[in-house]
Protein backbone atom coordinates (compact mmCIF):
# COMPACT_ATOMS: atom_id res chain seq x y z
CA UNK A 1 101.34 89.05 73.37
CA UNK A 2 103.16 91.25 75.84
CA UNK A 3 106.92 91.46 75.81
CA UNK A 4 108.63 89.23 78.34
CA UNK A 5 110.43 90.69 81.33
CA UNK A 6 113.78 92.01 80.28
CA UNK A 7 116.17 90.51 82.84
CA UNK A 8 119.89 90.56 81.95
CA UNK A 9 122.09 87.64 82.88
CA UNK A 10 124.41 89.91 84.86
CA UNK A 11 121.64 91.55 86.92
CA UNK A 12 121.60 91.37 90.72
CA UNK A 13 120.48 88.10 92.26
CA UNK A 14 117.14 89.50 93.45
CA UNK A 15 116.04 90.79 90.05
CA UNK A 16 114.77 87.65 88.30
CA UNK A 17 112.61 86.63 91.23
CA UNK A 18 111.51 90.10 92.31
CA UNK A 19 108.09 90.07 93.92
CA UNK A 20 106.09 92.77 95.67
CA UNK A 21 104.51 90.06 97.80
CA UNK A 22 107.93 89.18 99.23
CA UNK A 23 110.30 92.02 98.35
CA UNK A 24 114.05 91.72 98.89
CA UNK A 25 115.69 92.92 102.13
CA UNK A 26 115.95 96.68 102.35
CA UNK A 27 113.09 97.35 99.91
CA UNK A 28 110.64 98.68 102.51
CA UNK A 29 113.23 101.07 103.93
CA UNK A 30 114.31 102.43 100.55
CA UNK A 31 112.63 101.04 97.40
CA UNK A 32 114.13 103.55 94.98
CA UNK A 33 117.46 101.80 94.22
CA UNK A 34 115.45 98.64 93.44
CA UNK A 35 113.11 100.60 91.20
CA UNK A 36 116.09 102.12 89.39
CA UNK A 37 117.44 98.65 88.58
CA UNK A 38 114.01 97.48 87.41
CA UNK A 39 113.60 100.58 85.22
CA UNK A 40 116.98 100.03 83.61
CA UNK A 41 117.01 96.24 83.31
CA UNK A 42 113.42 95.01 83.46
CA UNK A 43 110.99 97.89 82.80
CA UNK A 44 108.11 95.46 81.98
CA UNK A 45 108.77 93.05 84.78
CA UNK A 46 106.80 89.79 85.08
CA UNK A 47 105.25 89.35 88.51
CA UNK A 48 103.51 86.16 87.40
CA UNK A 49 102.11 84.45 84.27
CA UNK A 50 99.57 87.28 83.68
CA UNK A 51 100.95 90.13 85.76
CA UNK A 52 103.55 92.80 85.14
CA UNK A 53 105.09 95.73 87.02
CA UNK A 54 105.87 98.97 85.15
CA UNK A 55 108.49 101.36 86.51
CA UNK A 56 108.99 103.92 83.71
CA UNK A 57 107.10 107.20 83.77
CA UNK A 58 106.17 106.97 80.07
CA UNK A 59 104.81 103.45 80.47
CA UNK A 60 102.74 104.31 83.54
CA UNK A 61 101.32 107.38 81.78
CA UNK A 62 100.45 105.25 78.71
CA UNK A 63 98.42 102.85 80.82
CA UNK A 64 96.66 105.67 82.72
CA UNK A 65 95.63 107.14 79.35
CA UNK A 66 94.55 103.90 77.66
CA UNK A 67 90.83 103.11 77.63
CA UNK A 68 91.68 99.42 77.71
CA UNK A 69 93.11 99.84 81.21
CA UNK A 70 90.27 98.91 83.58
CA UNK A 71 90.00 99.85 87.25
CA UNK A 72 87.36 97.19 87.92
CA UNK A 73 88.89 94.86 90.49
CA UNK A 74 86.31 92.06 90.71
CA UNK A 75 88.46 89.53 88.90
CA UNK A 76 91.54 90.40 91.01
CA UNK A 77 89.83 90.75 94.36
CA UNK A 78 87.59 87.64 94.31
CA UNK A 79 90.47 85.22 94.94
CA UNK A 80 92.25 87.71 97.20
CA UNK A 81 89.39 88.51 99.56
CA UNK A 82 86.68 85.94 98.75
CA UNK A 83 83.71 87.00 96.66
CA UNK A 84 81.26 87.00 99.58
CA UNK A 85 83.36 89.02 102.01
CA UNK A 86 82.85 92.62 103.28
CA UNK A 87 86.23 93.61 101.86
CA UNK A 88 85.27 92.39 98.40
CA UNK A 89 81.95 94.20 98.52
CA UNK A 90 83.58 97.43 99.68
CA UNK A 91 86.49 97.53 97.26
CA UNK A 92 84.35 96.59 94.25
CA UNK A 93 81.70 99.16 95.03
CA UNK A 94 83.82 102.21 95.83
CA UNK A 95 84.75 104.90 93.32
CA UNK A 96 88.44 104.08 92.95
CA UNK A 97 88.04 100.44 91.87
CA UNK A 98 85.32 100.91 89.30
CA UNK A 99 84.79 101.94 85.70
CA UNK A 100 81.90 103.94 84.24
CA UNK A 101 78.99 104.21 84.79
CA UNK A 102 79.40 103.96 88.61
CA UNK A 103 82.72 105.79 88.55
CA UNK A 104 81.27 108.61 86.48
CA UNK A 105 78.18 109.10 88.68
CA UNK A 106 80.08 109.18 91.97
CA UNK A 107 82.95 111.25 90.65
CA UNK A 108 80.61 113.97 89.34
CA UNK A 109 78.91 114.23 92.72
CA UNK A 110 82.21 114.47 94.56
CA UNK A 111 83.82 116.96 92.20
CA UNK A 112 80.74 119.15 92.49
CA UNK A 113 81.19 119.16 96.28
CA UNK A 114 84.98 119.67 96.14
CA UNK A 115 85.01 122.65 93.83
CA UNK A 116 87.38 125.62 94.27
CA UNK A 117 84.77 127.64 96.14
CA UNK A 118 84.25 124.79 98.64
CA UNK A 119 88.00 124.36 99.10
CA UNK A 120 88.43 128.08 99.76
CA UNK A 121 85.73 127.84 102.46
CA UNK A 122 87.72 125.05 104.15
CA UNK A 123 90.92 127.06 104.58
CA UNK A 124 90.15 129.14 107.70
CA UNK A 125 88.99 126.08 109.59
CA UNK A 126 92.03 124.09 108.47
CA UNK A 127 94.38 126.86 109.60
CA UNK A 128 92.65 126.91 113.02
CA UNK A 129 92.91 123.12 113.30
CA UNK A 130 96.63 123.07 112.39
CA UNK A 131 97.44 125.91 114.78
CA UNK A 132 95.61 124.12 117.61
CA UNK A 133 97.53 120.93 116.91
CA UNK A 134 100.79 122.88 116.90
CA UNK A 135 99.89 124.52 120.23
CA UNK A 136 99.15 121.07 121.69
CA UNK A 137 102.40 119.53 120.35
CA UNK A 138 104.44 122.35 121.81
CA UNK A 139 103.39 121.18 125.27
CA UNK A 140 104.27 117.52 124.75
CA UNK A 141 107.45 116.03 126.13
CA UNK A 142 107.90 113.58 123.26
CA UNK A 143 105.75 114.60 120.25
CA UNK A 144 105.13 112.06 117.52
CA UNK A 145 104.67 113.78 114.17
CA UNK A 146 102.30 111.07 112.94
CA UNK A 147 100.06 110.40 115.94
CA UNK A 148 100.03 113.99 117.23
CA UNK A 149 99.89 115.85 113.90
CA UNK A 150 99.82 114.28 110.45
CA UNK A 151 97.15 111.63 111.17
CA UNK A 152 94.84 114.05 112.98
CA UNK A 153 94.49 116.58 110.17
CA UNK A 154 92.82 114.53 107.41
CA UNK A 155 90.44 112.74 109.81
CA UNK A 156 89.15 116.11 110.89
CA UNK A 157 89.00 117.52 107.39
CA UNK A 158 87.06 114.56 105.93
CA UNK A 159 85.00 114.31 109.08
CA UNK A 160 84.00 117.94 108.60
CA UNK A 161 83.18 117.41 104.90
CA UNK A 162 80.81 114.58 105.82
CA UNK A 163 79.75 116.39 109.02
CA UNK A 164 80.58 113.41 111.21
CA UNK A 165 79.99 114.49 114.85
CA UNK A 166 83.34 115.21 116.47
CA UNK A 167 82.75 112.79 119.36
CA UNK A 168 82.08 109.96 116.87
CA UNK A 169 85.36 110.18 114.94
CA UNK A 170 87.43 108.02 117.29
CA UNK A 171 87.25 104.70 115.38
CA UNK A 172 87.69 106.18 111.89
CA UNK A 173 91.47 105.94 111.68
CA UNK A 174 91.72 102.34 112.90
CA UNK A 175 88.96 101.26 110.53
CA UNK A 176 90.71 103.01 107.67
CA UNK A 177 94.11 101.44 108.38
CA UNK A 178 92.62 97.97 108.67
CA UNK A 179 90.71 98.21 105.37
CA UNK A 180 93.59 99.70 103.37
CA UNK A 181 96.22 97.34 104.78
CA UNK A 182 94.27 94.48 103.22
CA UNK A 183 95.15 95.97 99.82
CA UNK A 184 98.79 94.92 100.21
CA UNK A 185 100.02 92.42 97.59
CA UNK A 186 99.80 89.41 99.93
CA UNK A 187 97.71 90.12 103.04
CA UNK A 188 97.90 87.46 105.77
CA UNK A 189 94.75 85.91 107.26
CA UNK A 190 94.77 88.15 110.38
CA UNK A 191 95.05 91.23 108.17
CA UNK A 192 92.03 90.07 106.15
CA UNK A 193 90.07 89.35 109.32
CA UNK A 194 90.75 92.81 110.70
CA UNK A 195 89.85 94.39 107.34
CA UNK A 196 86.52 92.54 107.10
CA UNK A 197 85.63 93.44 110.68
CA UNK A 198 86.50 97.09 110.00
CA UNK A 199 84.22 97.22 106.91
CA UNK A 200 81.36 95.77 108.97
CA UNK A 201 81.94 98.21 111.81
CA UNK A 202 82.20 101.14 109.41
CA UNK A 203 78.98 100.14 107.61
CA UNK A 204 77.06 99.80 110.87
CA UNK A 205 78.15 103.29 111.91
CA UNK A 206 77.38 104.85 108.53
CA UNK A 207 73.86 103.35 108.41
CA UNK A 208 73.14 105.23 111.62
CA UNK A 209 74.76 108.43 110.35
CA UNK A 210 72.94 108.32 107.00
CA UNK A 211 69.64 107.65 108.71
CA UNK A 212 70.12 110.71 110.90
CA UNK A 213 71.18 112.83 107.93
CA UNK A 214 68.13 111.76 105.91
CA UNK A 215 65.97 112.91 108.80
CA UNK A 216 67.87 116.20 109.16
CA UNK A 217 69.66 117.03 105.89
CA UNK A 218 72.56 119.44 105.89
CA UNK A 219 73.44 122.08 103.34
CA UNK A 220 74.54 120.16 100.19
CA UNK A 221 76.89 123.00 99.36
CA UNK A 222 79.05 122.18 102.37
CA UNK A 223 77.89 118.76 103.54
CA UNK A 224 79.19 116.11 101.17
CA UNK A 225 77.13 113.34 102.78
CA UNK A 226 73.87 115.26 102.17
CA UNK A 227 75.07 115.90 98.63
CA UNK A 228 75.69 112.19 98.06
CA UNK A 229 72.29 111.30 99.57
CA UNK A 230 70.35 113.81 97.53
CA UNK A 231 72.51 114.09 94.45
CA UNK A 232 71.51 112.80 91.08
CA UNK A 233 73.42 112.25 87.83
CA UNK A 234 71.21 111.88 84.79
CA UNK A 235 68.24 111.32 87.09
CA UNK A 236 69.87 108.40 88.91
CA UNK A 237 70.85 108.35 92.58
CA UNK A 238 73.36 106.19 94.33
CA UNK A 239 72.03 102.93 95.75
CA UNK A 240 72.33 102.45 99.53
CA UNK A 241 75.38 100.19 99.11
CA UNK A 242 77.04 102.63 96.72
CA UNK A 243 76.39 105.49 99.13
CA UNK A 244 77.78 103.68 102.18
CA UNK A 245 80.86 102.25 100.50
CA UNK A 246 81.78 105.54 98.86
CA UNK A 247 81.58 107.28 102.24
CA UNK A 248 84.07 104.68 103.54
CA UNK A 249 86.22 105.32 100.48
CA UNK A 250 86.22 109.10 101.09
CA UNK A 251 87.29 108.68 104.69
CA UNK A 252 89.91 106.06 103.84
CA UNK A 253 91.47 107.77 100.82
CA UNK A 254 91.46 111.18 102.41
CA UNK A 255 93.02 109.91 105.60
CA UNK A 256 95.76 107.56 104.49
CA UNK A 257 97.39 109.41 101.63
CA UNK A 258 97.32 112.81 103.29
CA UNK A 259 98.75 111.49 106.53
CA UNK A 260 101.60 109.96 104.55
CA UNK A 261 102.08 113.07 102.44
CA UNK A 262 102.54 115.22 105.52
CA UNK A 263 104.67 112.70 107.40
CA UNK A 264 106.86 111.70 104.45
CA UNK A 265 107.25 115.32 103.39
CA UNK A 266 108.37 116.61 106.77
CA UNK A 267 110.74 113.66 107.20
CA UNK A 268 112.31 114.38 103.79
CA UNK A 269 112.74 118.04 104.66
CA UNK A 270 114.36 117.22 107.98
CA UNK A 271 116.89 115.15 106.05
CA UNK A 272 117.52 118.08 103.66
CA UNK A 273 118.03 121.04 106.04
CA UNK A 274 119.00 123.32 103.19
CA UNK A 275 115.50 122.97 101.72
CA UNK A 276 113.91 124.00 105.03
CA UNK A 277 116.11 127.11 105.04
CA UNK A 278 115.23 127.76 101.41
CA UNK A 279 111.52 127.55 102.21
CA UNK A 280 111.94 129.88 105.17
CA UNK A 281 113.62 132.42 102.88
CA UNK A 282 111.09 131.92 100.09
CA UNK A 283 107.72 130.93 101.64
CA UNK A 284 106.05 131.37 98.23
CA UNK A 285 107.73 128.09 97.25
CA UNK A 286 105.28 126.09 99.42
CA UNK A 287 103.19 125.15 96.35
CA UNK A 288 106.08 123.71 94.34
CA UNK A 289 107.47 122.22 97.55
CA UNK A 290 104.27 120.15 98.04
CA UNK A 291 104.50 118.93 94.42
CA UNK A 292 108.11 117.90 95.01
CA UNK A 293 107.27 116.12 98.28
CA UNK A 294 104.52 114.22 96.44
CA UNK A 295 107.07 113.16 93.81
CA UNK A 296 109.98 112.44 96.12
CA UNK A 297 108.13 110.14 98.57
CA UNK A 298 104.80 109.28 96.95
CA UNK A 299 102.23 108.30 99.60
CA UNK A 300 100.73 105.74 97.17
CA UNK A 301 103.61 103.79 95.64
CA UNK A 302 101.61 101.29 93.58
CA UNK A 303 98.43 101.42 91.53
CA UNK A 304 96.75 98.69 89.48
CA UNK A 305 94.86 98.18 86.24
CA UNK A 306 93.52 95.19 84.27
CA UNK A 307 94.15 95.18 80.52
CA UNK A 308 90.82 94.54 78.81
CA UNK A 309 92.47 94.90 75.40
CA UNK A 310 96.05 95.23 74.10
CA UNK A 311 97.93 98.21 75.55
CA UNK A 312 100.90 99.48 73.57
CA UNK A 313 103.78 100.94 75.58
CA UNK A 314 106.13 103.63 74.22
CA UNK A 315 109.08 101.26 74.22
CA UNK A 316 107.40 98.83 71.86
CA UNK A 317 106.09 96.24 74.31
CA UNK A 318 102.40 95.39 74.15
CA UNK A 319 100.52 94.28 77.26
CA UNK A 320 98.16 91.45 76.42
CA UNK A 321 94.47 91.49 77.29
CA UNK A 322 93.81 89.84 80.64
CA UNK A 323 97.08 91.04 82.17
CA UNK A 324 97.12 92.53 85.65
CA UNK A 325 99.24 95.68 85.50
CA UNK A 326 100.91 97.13 88.57
CA UNK A 327 101.85 100.76 88.03
CA UNK A 328 104.99 101.68 89.90
CA UNK A 329 104.00 105.22 90.85
CA UNK A 330 106.92 105.70 93.21
CA UNK A 331 109.30 104.30 90.60
CA UNK A 332 107.85 106.47 87.79
CA UNK A 333 108.26 109.56 89.99
CA UNK A 334 112.04 108.90 90.15
CA UNK A 335 112.54 108.33 86.42
CA UNK A 336 115.71 110.15 85.22
CA UNK A 337 114.19 110.35 81.75
CA UNK A 338 111.78 112.93 83.18
CA UNK A 339 113.62 114.57 86.10
CA UNK A 340 117.24 115.70 86.37
CA UNK A 341 118.76 114.11 89.50
CA UNK A 342 115.47 112.51 90.54
CA UNK A 343 116.84 111.32 93.88
CA UNK A 344 117.60 114.92 94.96
CA UNK A 345 114.92 116.88 96.80
CA UNK A 346 114.37 120.27 95.10
CA UNK A 347 111.42 122.24 96.43
CA UNK A 348 111.51 124.66 93.51
CA UNK A 349 111.50 121.96 90.82
CA UNK A 350 109.62 122.89 87.65
CA UNK A 351 108.12 121.35 85.64
CA UNK A 352 107.10 118.48 87.89
CA UNK A 353 104.68 116.04 86.20
CA UNK A 354 104.47 113.79 89.29
CA UNK A 355 101.95 110.94 89.28
CA UNK A 356 101.18 110.71 93.01
CA UNK A 357 97.52 111.49 92.37
CA UNK A 358 97.24 109.27 89.31
CA UNK A 359 96.26 110.68 85.93
CA UNK A 360 93.27 110.95 83.62
CA UNK A 361 89.67 110.04 84.48
CA UNK A 362 90.78 108.23 87.64
CA UNK A 363 92.99 110.99 89.06
CA UNK A 364 92.32 111.52 92.76
CA UNK A 365 89.06 113.47 93.15
CA UNK A 366 90.35 115.05 96.38
CA UNK A 367 93.76 116.09 95.07
CA UNK A 368 93.20 119.83 95.68
CA UNK A 369 92.02 119.15 99.24
CA UNK A 370 95.16 117.11 99.90
CA UNK A 371 97.37 119.89 98.42
CA UNK A 372 95.68 122.47 100.64
CA UNK A 373 96.15 120.32 103.74
CA UNK A 374 99.84 119.77 102.94
CA UNK A 375 100.56 123.42 102.19
CA UNK A 376 99.04 124.54 105.47
CA UNK A 377 100.35 121.64 107.60
CA UNK A 378 103.93 121.77 106.31
CA UNK A 379 104.13 125.55 105.89
CA UNK A 380 102.77 126.52 109.29
CA UNK A 381 104.77 123.92 111.18
CA UNK A 382 108.04 125.03 109.61
CA UNK A 383 107.21 128.70 110.18
CA UNK A 384 106.78 128.01 113.87
CA UNK A 385 109.48 125.34 114.29
CA UNK A 386 112.15 125.82 111.59
CA UNK A 387 114.66 123.79 113.65
CA UNK A 388 112.42 120.74 113.98
CA UNK A 389 114.48 117.57 113.91
CA UNK A 390 114.21 113.85 114.55
CA UNK A 391 114.33 112.79 118.18
CA UNK A 392 114.94 109.06 117.84
CA UNK A 393 114.58 106.48 115.10
CA UNK A 394 111.45 106.72 112.97
CA UNK A 395 109.35 103.58 112.64
CA UNK A 396 108.57 102.88 108.95
CA UNK A 397 105.23 101.38 108.05
CA UNK A 398 106.20 98.01 106.42
CA UNK A 399 103.56 98.17 103.69
CA UNK A 400 104.71 98.49 100.07
CA UNK A 401 101.57 99.92 98.43
CA UNK A 402 101.31 102.78 100.91
CA UNK A 403 104.53 104.48 101.97
CA UNK A 404 104.65 106.23 105.30
CA UNK A 405 105.61 106.05 108.95
CA UNK A 406 103.97 104.52 111.98
CA UNK A 407 105.97 106.75 114.32
CA UNK A 408 108.05 109.87 113.68
CA UNK A 409 109.42 111.21 117.01
CA UNK A 410 110.59 114.81 116.74
CA UNK A 411 112.18 117.59 118.73
CA UNK A 412 110.45 120.86 117.84
CA UNK A 413 113.17 123.34 118.86
């Protein structure tokens, strides 16, 4: 029922067989030229008999808005992970990969905890954390902007929200990376093994943490874990499995995307020195700058839905029920039908309907926390070190779903 992939006979050799599981050479380093070709020549691109990739902003928005687009991943993840594995249990129990009623119950609890008042309370502590990290980096001979800065901020922020004791936060990042790396289009057996072990380790730790918090509850106004333990929606509490797996989700989602937002954003600014100077002259642009950094190098490049009914796209194609839909978020955020010169970084760009946080009922619940972290992390670093520059070749993370760096060596002054 859906329109076939639109592949012209004179397209590049890679186009007809394009696959996210085995992308063409150069894609990981710079996917945007590939996305531009797909948008122009094959906007509804077949990835398999019942799978398509969408790269146009209007098409991605249409799927986000359609009630027939399901986030339930049981059918997709059973063959990928194995239906009796820790990874399957985690990813099919957490907020992001579920539909109502679980999605509704958990999201209401989280949004209640992440309201504007709560976010305002976070700011002084976040400023102090960022300044301490900047002080520490200034004393390092060879600072790495990921390891020494970007990756440390969200772990502390989410750790504070859940009131994880500071001396117990050490394993959180490695667990998070192992679990999320298994979400790549074609994870190898060692990746799956590490992911399953990480879920088990995370669950063991959280059982202990939850037990302690039940015995000594925190203030649910500031302690999200206590809020999740005690919270009710329509008289119903989260089950133990729902509680544990959504704590993992919070730590994972808050860590990975924000680390990449800060790292990608600062890397993009270092490659566009004029925009750093512009921000120094107009510091009030930091809000629009963060929106542009989210658009220009989206931390989450790909999202997924399952069509449970026909989904009509603006161009006339109809996605058939049962189709797995990959939403090209990074591609949609470079669509020239929406943005003038989309491959140019413009920190004052308005309007900027970027889709880095998704859209609709499944939009990222922590989007305002991530924005706050990025505004403070990027703004305060550039205020202190406006001449920051690369000090060696960055090491790109080779994943295609999540876009970021493993290493980003810098010279601060």
